[in-house]
Amino acid sequence: MSSINIRLVESSKTRAELQRGPRYQRSFGRWALPPLVRPSFAGITVVTLSTLVKIALPPLFIASLPKRAIGFSYPRGREGQALAISLLVLTVTLLLALSRSLGLLAIPLAFWVVGGTALVVMYNCATPGMAFVKELCSTCRLRPLIEEHEAMHLEGESCEGPVWSVTKQRYSYDGLGLGNDPRICSFCPIAKHLKEN
C-alpha cells in the first residue's frame, strides 16, 4: 500500500460532494446534464463516456459493456508508451491491409478503429492523465470517488486490490449512507466493495 504514490488531498469539499451529489446537479436541478469534460483530482481530465465518445473510440465502447464497469483509464508511463506504440503499429498495419480493397476509405476506418485510441493513450502519457466515467454514473453523488479511484490508477497503481484498500480506509459504507440511498444502483461496485469492509 505504501507503494501507491497518491497526490490526492482529502478535503471537506470532496466529502461534502459525496454526501450531496455533484455541484452541477444541485445547481441546475434534476434534469441538468453533466459537463462532458472537466478537470478533477491531481489534474486529470475526466470525460463522460457519452454515446458520441463510445462511437469515436470503439475500444471504450467494448470496455463499457459490463454494468459494473463505471470508470476507465489507460495506463501511463512505460506501459502506456508501449501500448501507444503498439496501437500505432496496429493502425498502420490495418491501414495497409485495408488500403488495397478500400482505397482512401481505409485511412479514416483504421484511424476510427484503433488510431483514435492510440492518440488518447499518447495524450494520457504526456499529461497528468485522462479518465472516463460512464454516462449513467456521471450525475451520481459517488462520481468524485470514481474519479479518485481512476486517479490512483493513473498515478501508477495498476492493481485493483491496493486501490480498494486505500478507498476502504478513507470511506465507509455507512459513512456514505449507501445502505439507504435508493439512487445508488444495485450493481454499483463502490457500494459492494465498501460493504465488504
Protein backbone atom coordinates (compact mmCIF):
# COMPACT_ATOMS: atom_id res chain seq x y z
CA MET A 1 0.00 0.00 0.00
CA SER A 2 2.90 2.32 0.70
CA SER A 3 3.94 1.91 -2.95
CA ILE A 4 0.92 3.88 -4.04
CA ASN A 5 2.07 7.41 -4.74
CA ILE A 6 -1.15 9.37 -4.40
CA ARG A 7 -1.14 13.13 -4.84
CA LEU A 8 -4.71 13.40 -3.69
CA VAL A 9 -5.66 15.80 -0.95
CA GLU A 10 -8.68 14.78 1.08
CA SER A 11 -10.84 17.80 1.58
CA SER A 12 -14.12 18.58 3.25
CA LYS A 13 -15.38 19.74 -0.15
CA THR A 14 -14.86 16.24 -1.60
CA ARG A 15 -16.62 14.58 1.33
CA ALA A 16 -19.48 17.08 1.06
CA GLU A 17 -19.86 16.32 -2.67
CA LEU A 18 -20.07 12.62 -1.89
CA GLN A 19 -22.89 13.31 0.56
CA ARG A 20 -24.91 15.77 -1.55
CA GLY A 21 -24.02 14.88 -5.12
CA PRO A 22 -22.16 16.82 -7.81
CA ARG A 23 -22.47 20.60 -7.75
CA TYR A 24 -23.90 20.90 -11.27
CA GLN A 25 -26.77 18.58 -10.38
CA ARG A 26 -27.67 20.64 -7.30
CA SER A 27 -27.30 23.97 -9.07
CA PHE A 28 -29.32 23.27 -12.20
CA GLY A 29 -31.94 20.84 -10.93
CA ARG A 30 -32.78 17.25 -11.59
CA TRP A 31 -32.53 17.33 -15.37
CA ALA A 32 -29.18 19.11 -15.65
CA LEU A 33 -26.64 17.35 -17.83
CA PRO A 34 -23.09 16.91 -16.54
CA PRO A 35 -20.27 18.64 -18.34
CA LEU A 36 -18.68 16.32 -20.93
CA VAL A 37 -15.12 17.14 -19.86
CA ARG A 38 -13.95 18.56 -16.56
CA PRO A 39 -10.72 18.72 -14.53
CA SER A 40 -10.55 16.50 -11.47
CA PHE A 41 -8.21 15.09 -8.84
CA ALA A 42 -4.46 15.56 -9.34
CA GLY A 43 -5.04 17.48 -12.59
CA ILE A 44 -6.53 14.57 -14.53
CA THR A 45 -9.16 15.25 -17.17
CA VAL A 46 -12.42 13.34 -16.69
CA VAL A 47 -14.57 12.68 -19.76
CA THR A 48 -18.16 11.48 -19.56
CA LEU A 49 -18.46 8.34 -21.65
CA SER A 50 -21.35 9.54 -23.78
CA THR A 51 -22.67 7.72 -26.84
CA LEU A 52 -20.62 10.05 -29.06
CA VAL A 53 -17.39 9.24 -27.19
CA LYS A 54 -18.14 5.50 -27.39
CA ILE A 55 -18.71 5.78 -31.15
CA ALA A 56 -15.49 7.76 -31.57
CA LEU A 57 -13.44 5.27 -29.50
CA PRO A 58 -14.73 1.71 -30.14
CA PRO A 59 -12.41 0.04 -27.56
CA LEU A 60 -14.06 2.15 -24.84
CA PHE A 61 -17.48 1.05 -26.06
CA ILE A 62 -16.43 -2.59 -25.60
CA ALA A 63 -14.89 -1.88 -22.18
CA SER A 64 -18.09 -0.16 -21.01
CA LEU A 65 -20.41 -3.07 -21.83
CA PRO A 66 -20.28 -4.72 -18.36
CA LYS A 67 -22.67 -2.95 -15.97
CA ARG A 68 -20.13 -2.90 -13.16
CA ALA A 69 -17.52 -1.10 -15.29
CA ILE A 70 -18.13 2.53 -14.24
CA GLY A 71 -14.74 4.21 -14.67
CA PHE A 72 -11.92 3.69 -17.15
CA SER A 73 -8.39 4.92 -17.74
CA TYR A 74 -5.49 3.87 -19.90
CA PRO A 75 -2.07 3.15 -18.38
CA ARG A 76 0.64 5.80 -18.22
CA GLY A 77 4.42 5.63 -18.01
CA ARG A 78 6.33 2.91 -19.86
CA GLU A 79 3.30 0.64 -20.02
CA GLY A 80 1.27 3.43 -21.60
CA GLN A 81 4.04 4.27 -24.06
CA ALA A 82 4.31 0.60 -25.08
CA LEU A 83 0.53 0.44 -25.55
CA ALA A 84 0.52 3.66 -27.63
CA ILE A 85 3.30 2.35 -29.91
CA SER A 86 1.52 -1.00 -30.29
CA LEU A 87 -1.73 0.75 -31.21
CA LEU A 88 0.04 2.98 -33.75
CA VAL A 89 1.69 -0.08 -35.33
CA LEU A 90 -1.71 -1.80 -35.40
CA THR A 91 -3.24 1.29 -37.04
CA VAL A 92 -0.60 1.32 -39.79
CA THR A 93 -0.96 -2.46 -40.28
CA LEU A 94 -4.73 -2.15 -40.54
CA LEU A 95 -4.37 0.77 -42.93
CA LEU A 96 -2.05 -1.21 -45.21
CA ALA A 97 -4.27 -4.31 -45.08
CA LEU A 98 -7.42 -2.37 -45.96
CA SER A 99 -5.95 0.09 -48.46
CA ARG A 100 -5.94 -2.37 -51.38
CA SER A 101 -9.63 -3.15 -51.08
CA LEU A 102 -10.98 0.16 -49.71
CA GLY A 103 -8.54 2.71 -51.10
CA LEU A 104 -8.64 6.09 -49.33
CA LEU A 105 -11.57 4.94 -47.17
CA ALA A 106 -9.05 2.79 -45.27
CA ILE A 107 -7.47 5.90 -43.68
CA PRO A 108 -10.50 7.08 -41.65
CA LEU A 109 -11.53 3.48 -40.95
CA ALA A 110 -8.13 2.49 -39.49
CA PHE A 111 -7.98 5.72 -37.51
CA TRP A 112 -11.51 5.16 -36.16
CA VAL A 113 -10.98 1.52 -35.14
CA VAL A 114 -7.60 1.92 -33.43
CA GLY A 115 -5.84 5.22 -34.20
CA GLY A 116 -8.06 7.43 -32.03
CA THR A 117 -7.39 5.24 -29.01
CA ALA A 118 -3.66 5.42 -29.73
CA LEU A 119 -3.85 9.23 -29.62
CA VAL A 120 -5.77 9.13 -26.31
CA VAL A 121 -3.10 6.84 -24.80
CA MET A 122 -0.33 9.15 -26.08
CA TYR A 123 -2.15 12.15 -24.56
CA ASN A 124 -2.50 10.18 -21.34
CA CYS A 125 1.28 9.65 -21.21
CA ALA A 126 2.12 13.30 -21.90
CA THR A 127 -0.29 14.86 -19.37
CA PRO A 128 -1.44 14.12 -15.79
CA GLY A 129 -3.91 11.73 -17.43
CA MET A 130 -7.40 11.21 -18.75
CA ALA A 131 -10.15 9.09 -17.23
CA PHE A 132 -13.61 8.18 -18.47
CA VAL A 133 -16.79 7.89 -16.38
CA LYS A 134 -19.83 6.00 -17.60
CA GLU A 135 -22.70 8.35 -18.52
CA LEU A 136 -25.04 6.64 -16.05
CA CYS A 137 -22.58 7.44 -13.24
CA SER A 138 -21.78 10.99 -14.36
CA THR A 139 -24.53 12.52 -12.23
CA CYS A 140 -24.12 10.16 -9.28
CA ARG A 141 -23.03 11.61 -5.95
CA LEU A 142 -20.24 8.99 -5.92
CA ARG A 143 -18.63 10.43 -9.05
CA PRO A 144 -15.82 12.11 -7.05
CA LEU A 145 -14.97 8.70 -5.59
CA ILE A 146 -14.89 7.14 -9.10
CA GLU A 147 -12.57 9.95 -10.24
CA GLU A 148 -10.35 9.46 -7.19
CA HIS A 149 -10.18 5.72 -7.92
CA GLU A 150 -9.08 6.34 -11.52
CA ALA A 151 -6.56 8.97 -10.35
CA MET A 152 -4.89 6.31 -8.20
CA HIS A 153 -4.59 4.07 -11.25
CA LEU A 154 -3.16 6.94 -13.28
CA GLU A 155 -0.62 7.58 -10.50
CA GLY A 156 0.84 4.16 -11.23
CA GLU A 157 -1.10 1.57 -9.24
CA SER A 158 -2.37 -0.95 -11.79
CA CYS A 159 -3.85 -3.49 -9.35
CA GLU A 160 -7.37 -3.07 -8.02
CA GLY A 161 -6.64 -4.56 -4.57
CA PRO A 162 -4.39 -1.79 -3.17
CA VAL A 163 -6.64 0.92 -4.65
CA TRP A 164 -9.73 -0.52 -2.94
CA SER A 165 -7.71 -0.92 0.26
CA VAL A 166 -6.95 2.83 0.30
CA THR A 167 -10.58 3.63 -0.56
CA LYS A 168 -11.83 1.48 2.35
CA GLN A 169 -9.52 3.36 4.73
CA ARG A 170 -10.93 6.71 3.64
CA TYR A 171 -14.62 5.90 3.24
CA SER A 172 -17.16 3.50 4.71
CA TYR A 173 -20.47 2.06 3.52
CA ASP A 174 -22.39 3.54 6.45
CA GLY A 175 -20.42 6.80 6.46
CA LEU A 176 -21.52 7.50 2.88
CA GLY A 177 -25.08 6.39 3.62
CA LEU A 178 -25.10 3.83 0.80
CA GLY A 179 -27.44 1.39 2.53
CA ASN A 180 -30.49 3.64 2.50
CA ASP A 181 -29.92 5.62 -0.70
CA PRO A 182 -32.31 4.50 -3.49
CA ARG A 183 -30.28 6.48 -6.05
CA ILE A 184 -27.33 4.07 -5.75
CA CYS A 185 -27.57 1.35 -8.41
CA SER A 186 -27.81 -2.25 -7.24
CA PHE A 187 -24.76 -3.20 -9.33
CA CYS A 188 -22.55 -0.34 -8.08
CA PRO A 189 -19.06 -1.76 -7.39
CA ILE A 190 -18.29 1.03 -4.90
CA ALA A 191 -21.17 0.03 -2.64
CA LYS A 192 -20.25 -3.65 -3.00
CA HIS A 193 -16.57 -3.17 -2.08
CA LEU A 194 -17.28 -0.82 0.82
CA LYS A 195 -19.93 -3.17 2.19
CA GLU A 196 -17.33 -5.97 2.29
CA ASN A 197 -15.20 -3.92 4.66
